[in-house]
Amino acid sequence: MEKQKNLYSKLNSNMDLNEIQDYIKKVIEIRGFGNQPIEQAMLLLVEEVGELAKAIRKEKTNMCIDKSKINNYDTVEGEIADVFIVLNTVCNLLNINLYDVFYAKEKVNVERSWKNDNKNS
């Protein structure tokens, strides 16, 4: 637990995405999940995205929700953090630099012509 606390104490808002991805890799290794199969990490990512959907449903819509389990649901912010952590874990397991693939994809996206027929956006 002391290693995690030491790493956590170095987190700050000036860190770039590469530094955050490296932090997550180290923490995941400390927690014993560094060698999990990619299939397990992907299942966890899908589960976390589902939990994010549940949190959004709970906080941002008028949809019905099981009130007896209301305390089992995290906040939208908490679930977004979980999705981000697990996405970085997937990238680390596949030796993918998240910033590099994001940058490359945006290079393609900025050349695309985007059309949105939704007048509300």
N, C-alpha and C. Protein backbone atom coordinates (compact mmCIF):
# COMPACT_ATOMS: atom_id res chain seq x y z
N MET A 1 0.83 -1.19 0.00
CA MET A 1 0.00 0.00 0.00
C MET A 1 0.88 1.26 0.00
N GLU A 2 2.04 1.18 0.61
CA GLU A 2 2.93 2.34 0.68
C GLU A 2 3.43 2.76 -0.71
N LYS A 3 3.69 1.78 -1.57
CA LYS A 3 4.12 2.10 -2.95
C LYS A 3 3.03 2.87 -3.69
N GLN A 4 1.78 2.44 -3.52
CA GLN A 4 0.67 3.13 -4.16
C GLN A 4 0.55 4.56 -3.65
N LYS A 5 0.67 4.73 -2.35
CA LYS A 5 0.57 6.07 -1.76
C LYS A 5 1.71 6.96 -2.25
N ASN A 6 2.89 6.39 -2.36
CA ASN A 6 4.04 7.16 -2.86
C ASN A 6 3.81 7.61 -4.30
N LEU A 7 3.33 6.71 -5.15
CA LEU A 7 3.03 7.08 -6.53
C LEU A 7 1.91 8.12 -6.59
N TYR A 8 0.87 7.91 -5.79
CA TYR A 8 -0.26 8.83 -5.77
C TYR A 8 0.17 10.25 -5.37
N SER A 9 1.11 10.33 -4.44
CA SER A 9 1.56 11.64 -3.97
C SER A 9 2.25 12.44 -5.07
N LYS A 10 2.68 11.77 -6.13
CA LYS A 10 3.35 12.44 -7.24
C LYS A 10 2.40 12.88 -8.34
N LEU A 11 1.14 12.44 -8.26
CA LEU A 11 0.15 12.86 -9.26
C LEU A 11 -0.10 14.36 -9.14
N ASN A 12 -0.21 15.02 -10.29
CA ASN A 12 -0.55 16.44 -10.27
C ASN A 12 -1.19 16.83 -11.60
N SER A 13 -1.82 17.97 -11.62
CA SER A 13 -2.60 18.40 -12.78
C SER A 13 -1.72 18.82 -13.96
N ASN A 14 -0.42 18.87 -13.77
CA ASN A 14 0.49 19.22 -14.86
C ASN A 14 1.01 17.99 -15.61
N MET A 15 0.63 16.80 -15.17
CA MET A 15 1.10 15.59 -15.83
C MET A 15 0.46 15.47 -17.21
N ASP A 16 1.24 14.98 -18.17
CA ASP A 16 0.67 14.76 -19.50
C ASP A 16 0.12 13.33 -19.59
N LEU A 17 -0.52 13.03 -20.70
CA LEU A 17 -1.17 11.73 -20.85
C LEU A 17 -0.17 10.58 -20.76
N ASN A 18 1.03 10.76 -21.30
CA ASN A 18 2.04 9.71 -21.21
C ASN A 18 2.42 9.43 -19.76
N GLU A 19 2.55 10.46 -18.97
CA GLU A 19 2.90 10.29 -17.55
C GLU A 19 1.76 9.60 -16.80
N ILE A 20 0.54 9.97 -17.11
CA ILE A 20 -0.62 9.34 -16.46
C ILE A 20 -0.71 7.87 -16.85
N GLN A 21 -0.50 7.56 -18.14
CA GLN A 21 -0.54 6.17 -18.58
C GLN A 21 0.53 5.36 -17.87
N ASP A 22 1.72 5.93 -17.70
CA ASP A 22 2.80 5.25 -16.99
C ASP A 22 2.43 5.05 -15.52
N TYR A 23 1.82 6.07 -14.89
CA TYR A 23 1.37 5.95 -13.50
C TYR A 23 0.38 4.78 -13.37
N ILE A 24 -0.59 4.74 -14.27
CA ILE A 24 -1.60 3.68 -14.20
C ILE A 24 -0.95 2.31 -14.38
N LYS A 25 0.00 2.21 -15.28
CA LYS A 25 0.70 0.93 -15.48
C LYS A 25 1.38 0.48 -14.19
N LYS A 26 2.06 1.38 -13.52
CA LYS A 26 2.76 1.04 -12.27
C LYS A 26 1.77 0.65 -11.17
N VAL A 27 0.69 1.39 -11.04
CA VAL A 27 -0.29 1.09 -10.00
C VAL A 27 -0.96 -0.25 -10.25
N ILE A 28 -1.31 -0.52 -11.50
CA ILE A 28 -1.94 -1.80 -11.84
C ILE A 28 -1.00 -2.96 -11.53
N GLU A 29 0.28 -2.78 -11.78
CA GLU A 29 1.27 -3.82 -11.44
C GLU A 29 1.34 -4.02 -9.93
N ILE A 30 1.36 -2.93 -9.18
CA ILE A 30 1.40 -3.02 -7.72
C ILE A 30 0.17 -3.77 -7.20
N ARG A 31 -0.98 -3.51 -7.80
CA ARG A 31 -2.23 -4.14 -7.37
C ARG A 31 -2.35 -5.59 -7.83
N GLY A 32 -1.39 -6.06 -8.65
CA GLY A 32 -1.37 -7.46 -9.06
C GLY A 32 -2.13 -7.77 -10.34
N PHE A 33 -2.46 -6.76 -11.12
CA PHE A 33 -3.21 -6.99 -12.36
C PHE A 33 -2.39 -6.73 -13.62
N GLY A 34 -1.09 -6.54 -13.47
CA GLY A 34 -0.25 -6.19 -14.62
C GLY A 34 -0.14 -7.25 -15.69
N ASN A 35 -0.36 -8.50 -15.32
CA ASN A 35 -0.24 -9.59 -16.28
C ASN A 35 -1.57 -10.24 -16.62
N GLN A 36 -2.67 -9.57 -16.33
CA GLN A 36 -3.96 -10.16 -16.64
C GLN A 36 -4.11 -10.30 -18.16
N PRO A 37 -4.79 -11.32 -18.61
CA PRO A 37 -5.02 -11.48 -20.05
C PRO A 37 -5.83 -10.31 -20.60
N ILE A 38 -5.57 -9.96 -21.84
CA ILE A 38 -6.26 -8.84 -22.47
C ILE A 38 -7.77 -9.07 -22.48
N GLU A 39 -8.20 -10.32 -22.60
CA GLU A 39 -9.64 -10.61 -22.60
C GLU A 39 -10.29 -10.18 -21.29
N GLN A 40 -9.60 -10.40 -20.17
CA GLN A 40 -10.14 -9.98 -18.88
C GLN A 40 -10.18 -8.47 -18.76
N ALA A 41 -9.14 -7.81 -19.26
CA ALA A 41 -9.14 -6.34 -19.22
C ALA A 41 -10.26 -5.77 -20.09
N MET A 42 -10.50 -6.38 -21.24
CA MET A 42 -11.58 -5.90 -22.11
C MET A 42 -12.94 -6.12 -21.47
N LEU A 43 -13.13 -7.26 -20.83
CA LEU A 43 -14.39 -7.50 -20.13
C LEU A 43 -14.59 -6.48 -19.02
N LEU A 44 -13.53 -6.16 -18.32
CA LEU A 44 -13.61 -5.16 -17.26
C LEU A 44 -13.94 -3.78 -17.85
N LEU A 45 -13.35 -3.46 -19.00
CA LEU A 45 -13.64 -2.17 -19.65
C LEU A 45 -15.11 -2.08 -20.02
N VAL A 46 -15.64 -3.14 -20.60
CA VAL A 46 -17.06 -3.15 -20.97
C VAL A 46 -17.93 -3.02 -19.72
N GLU A 47 -17.56 -3.71 -18.65
CA GLU A 47 -18.30 -3.61 -17.39
C GLU A 47 -18.28 -2.19 -16.86
N GLU A 48 -17.12 -1.54 -16.90
CA GLU A 48 -17.01 -0.17 -16.41
C GLU A 48 -17.82 0.81 -17.27
N VAL A 49 -17.85 0.59 -18.57
CA VAL A 49 -18.69 1.43 -19.45
C VAL A 49 -20.16 1.25 -19.08
N GLY A 50 -20.56 0.01 -18.78
CA GLY A 50 -21.92 -0.24 -18.33
C GLY A 50 -22.23 0.47 -17.02
N GLU A 51 -21.28 0.48 -16.10
CA GLU A 51 -21.47 1.18 -14.84
C GLU A 51 -21.56 2.70 -15.06
N LEU A 52 -20.83 3.20 -16.02
CA LEU A 52 -20.94 4.61 -16.38
C LEU A 52 -22.34 4.91 -16.92
N ALA A 53 -22.84 4.03 -17.77
CA ALA A 53 -24.19 4.21 -18.29
C ALA A 53 -25.21 4.22 -17.15
N LYS A 54 -25.03 3.33 -16.19
CA LYS A 54 -25.94 3.27 -15.04
C LYS A 54 -25.87 4.56 -14.23
N ALA A 55 -24.66 5.07 -14.02
CA ALA A 55 -24.51 6.31 -13.26
C ALA A 55 -25.15 7.49 -13.98
N ILE A 56 -25.00 7.55 -15.29
CA ILE A 56 -25.63 8.62 -16.07
C ILE A 56 -27.14 8.49 -15.97
N ARG A 57 -27.63 7.27 -16.08
CA ARG A 57 -29.08 7.04 -15.96
C ARG A 57 -29.58 7.50 -14.59
N LYS A 58 -28.82 7.21 -13.55
CA LYS A 58 -29.21 7.57 -12.18
C LYS A 58 -29.20 9.08 -11.98
N GLU A 59 -28.18 9.76 -12.49
CA GLU A 59 -27.99 11.17 -12.17
C GLU A 59 -28.57 12.13 -13.20
N LYS A 60 -28.67 11.71 -14.45
CA LYS A 60 -28.96 12.68 -15.49
C LYS A 60 -30.26 12.45 -16.25
N THR A 61 -31.00 11.41 -15.88
CA THR A 61 -32.25 11.14 -16.59
C THR A 61 -33.39 10.94 -15.59
N ASN A 62 -34.57 10.82 -16.11
CA ASN A 62 -35.75 10.52 -15.30
C ASN A 62 -36.15 9.05 -15.40
N MET A 63 -35.25 8.23 -15.93
CA MET A 63 -35.55 6.81 -16.08
C MET A 63 -35.61 6.13 -14.71
N CYS A 64 -36.40 5.09 -14.63
CA CYS A 64 -36.53 4.33 -13.38
C CYS A 64 -35.23 3.62 -13.06
N ILE A 65 -34.98 3.49 -11.78
CA ILE A 65 -33.79 2.78 -11.31
C ILE A 65 -34.15 2.08 -10.01
N ASP A 66 -33.54 0.94 -9.76
CA ASP A 66 -33.80 0.17 -8.55
C ASP A 66 -33.29 0.94 -7.34
N LYS A 67 -34.19 1.58 -6.62
CA LYS A 67 -33.82 2.43 -5.48
C LYS A 67 -33.19 1.63 -4.34
N SER A 68 -33.47 0.33 -4.27
CA SER A 68 -32.88 -0.48 -3.20
C SER A 68 -31.37 -0.67 -3.41
N LYS A 69 -30.88 -0.40 -4.64
CA LYS A 69 -29.46 -0.54 -4.94
C LYS A 69 -28.79 0.81 -5.18
N ILE A 70 -29.47 1.89 -4.85
CA ILE A 70 -28.98 3.23 -5.17
C ILE A 70 -27.60 3.50 -4.60
N ASN A 71 -27.29 2.93 -3.44
CA ASN A 71 -25.97 3.14 -2.83
C ASN A 71 -24.88 2.30 -3.47
N ASN A 72 -25.27 1.35 -4.34
CA ASN A 72 -24.29 0.53 -5.05
C ASN A 72 -23.71 1.25 -6.27
N TYR A 73 -24.33 2.34 -6.68
CA TYR A 73 -23.92 3.02 -7.90
C TYR A 73 -22.99 4.17 -7.56
N ASP A 74 -21.89 4.25 -8.28
CA ASP A 74 -20.94 5.34 -8.10
C ASP A 74 -21.43 6.56 -8.88
N THR A 75 -20.72 7.65 -8.75
CA THR A 75 -21.07 8.87 -9.47
C THR A 75 -20.61 8.77 -10.93
N VAL A 76 -21.13 9.66 -11.77
CA VAL A 76 -20.68 9.72 -13.16
C VAL A 76 -19.17 9.97 -13.19
N GLU A 77 -18.71 10.90 -12.38
CA GLU A 77 -17.29 11.22 -12.36
C GLU A 77 -16.44 10.03 -11.95
N GLY A 78 -16.88 9.30 -10.94
CA GLY A 78 -16.16 8.12 -10.50
C GLY A 78 -16.09 7.04 -11.56
N GLU A 79 -17.19 6.86 -12.26
CA GLU A 79 -17.22 5.84 -13.32
C GLU A 79 -16.39 6.26 -14.53
N ILE A 80 -16.39 7.56 -14.86
CA ILE A 80 -15.53 8.03 -15.95
C ILE A 80 -14.07 7.75 -15.60
N ALA A 81 -13.69 7.99 -14.36
CA ALA A 81 -12.32 7.70 -13.93
C ALA A 81 -12.01 6.21 -14.07
N ASP A 82 -12.95 5.35 -13.67
CA ASP A 82 -12.74 3.91 -13.80
C ASP A 82 -12.56 3.50 -15.26
N VAL A 83 -13.39 4.05 -16.16
CA VAL A 83 -13.27 3.74 -17.59
C VAL A 83 -11.89 4.18 -18.09
N PHE A 84 -11.46 5.37 -17.70
CA PHE A 84 -10.16 5.89 -18.12
C PHE A 84 -9.03 4.99 -17.62
N ILE A 85 -9.09 4.57 -16.37
CA ILE A 85 -8.06 3.70 -15.81
C ILE A 85 -8.00 2.38 -16.55
N VAL A 86 -9.15 1.76 -16.80
CA VAL A 86 -9.15 0.46 -17.46
C VAL A 86 -8.78 0.61 -18.94
N LEU A 87 -9.19 1.69 -19.60
CA LEU A 87 -8.77 1.92 -20.98
C LEU A 87 -7.25 2.03 -21.06
N ASN A 88 -6.65 2.75 -20.13
CA ASN A 88 -5.19 2.84 -20.09
C ASN A 88 -4.56 1.49 -19.82
N THR A 89 -5.19 0.68 -18.99
CA THR A 89 -4.70 -0.67 -18.72
C THR A 89 -4.71 -1.52 -19.98
N VAL A 90 -5.79 -1.44 -20.75
CA VAL A 90 -5.88 -2.17 -22.02
C VAL A 90 -4.73 -1.72 -22.94
N CYS A 91 -4.53 -0.41 -23.03
CA CYS A 91 -3.44 0.11 -23.86
C CYS A 91 -2.09 -0.42 -23.39
N ASN A 92 -1.88 -0.42 -22.09
CA ASN A 92 -0.61 -0.91 -21.56
C ASN A 92 -0.40 -2.39 -21.84
N LEU A 93 -1.45 -3.18 -21.71
CA LEU A 93 -1.33 -4.61 -22.00
C LEU A 93 -1.00 -4.88 -23.46
N LEU A 94 -1.44 -3.98 -24.34
CA LEU A 94 -1.19 -4.12 -25.78
C LEU A 94 0.02 -3.30 -26.25
N ASN A 95 0.73 -2.70 -25.29
CA ASN A 95 1.88 -1.84 -25.62
C ASN A 95 1.51 -0.73 -26.59
N ILE A 96 0.38 -0.10 -26.33
CA ILE A 96 -0.11 1.01 -27.14
C ILE A 96 0.00 2.29 -26.34
N ASN A 97 0.63 3.29 -26.93
CA ASN A 97 0.72 4.61 -26.31
C ASN A 97 -0.56 5.35 -26.66
N LEU A 98 -1.37 5.63 -25.65
CA LEU A 98 -2.69 6.24 -25.86
C LEU A 98 -2.58 7.60 -26.55
N TYR A 99 -1.62 8.41 -26.15
CA TYR A 99 -1.47 9.72 -26.80
C TYR A 99 -1.15 9.56 -28.28
N ASP A 100 -0.23 8.66 -28.61
CA ASP A 100 0.18 8.48 -30.01
C ASP A 100 -0.99 8.05 -30.89
N VAL A 101 -1.80 7.10 -30.42
CA VAL A 101 -2.92 6.65 -31.26
C VAL A 101 -4.02 7.70 -31.32
N PHE A 102 -4.22 8.45 -30.24
CA PHE A 102 -5.18 9.55 -30.25
C PHE A 102 -4.74 10.60 -31.27
N TYR A 103 -3.48 10.98 -31.22
CA TYR A 103 -2.96 12.00 -32.12
C TYR A 103 -3.08 11.56 -33.58
N ALA A 104 -2.72 10.32 -33.87
CA ALA A 104 -2.80 9.79 -35.24
C ALA A 104 -4.25 9.78 -35.73
N LYS A 105 -5.17 9.38 -34.87
CA LYS A 105 -6.58 9.33 -35.26
C LYS A 105 -7.13 10.73 -35.50
N GLU A 106 -6.75 11.68 -34.67
CA GLU A 106 -7.22 13.06 -34.87
C GLU A 106 -6.67 13.67 -36.15
N LYS A 107 -5.48 13.24 -36.55
CA LYS A 107 -4.92 13.70 -37.83
C LYS A 107 -5.84 13.29 -38.98
N VAL A 108 -6.41 12.11 -38.89
CA VAL A 108 -7.38 11.63 -39.88
C VAL A 108 -8.70 12.38 -39.73
N ASN A 109 -9.16 12.53 -38.49
CA ASN A 109 -10.47 13.15 -38.23
C ASN A 109 -10.54 14.60 -38.68
N VAL A 110 -9.47 15.35 -38.54
CA VAL A 110 -9.52 16.77 -38.92
C VAL A 110 -9.64 16.96 -40.42
N GLU A 111 -9.36 15.93 -41.18
CA GLU A 111 -9.49 16.00 -42.64
C GLU A 111 -10.88 15.57 -43.11
N ARG A 112 -11.67 15.04 -42.22
CA ARG A 112 -13.01 14.57 -42.58
C ARG A 112 -13.99 15.73 -42.59
N SER A 113 -15.02 15.57 -43.38
CA SER A 113 -16.12 16.54 -43.39
C SER A 113 -17.22 15.97 -42.51
N TRP A 114 -17.59 16.73 -41.48
CA TRP A 114 -18.56 16.25 -40.49
C TRP A 114 -19.90 16.90 -40.75
N LYS A 115 -20.96 16.11 -40.71
CA LYS A 115 -22.31 16.61 -40.90
C LYS A 115 -23.15 16.15 -39.74
N ASN A 116 -23.88 17.10 -39.16
CA ASN A 116 -24.75 16.79 -38.04
C ASN A 116 -26.10 17.40 -38.34
N ASP A 117 -27.09 16.56 -38.59
CA ASP A 117 -28.44 17.04 -38.91
C ASP A 117 -29.24 17.37 -37.66
N ASN A 118 -28.67 17.11 -36.49
CA ASN A 118 -29.37 17.39 -35.25
C ASN A 118 -29.28 18.89 -34.97
N LYS A 119 -30.37 19.56 -35.04
CA LYS A 119 -30.40 21.03 -34.87
C LYS A 119 -30.19 21.44 -33.41
N ASN A 120 -30.24 20.50 -32.48
CA ASN A 120 -30.09 20.81 -31.06
C ASN A 120 -28.63 20.83 -30.61
N SER A 121 -27.72 20.50 -31.50
CA SER A 121 -26.33 20.46 -31.05
C SER A 121 -25.49 21.53 -31.68
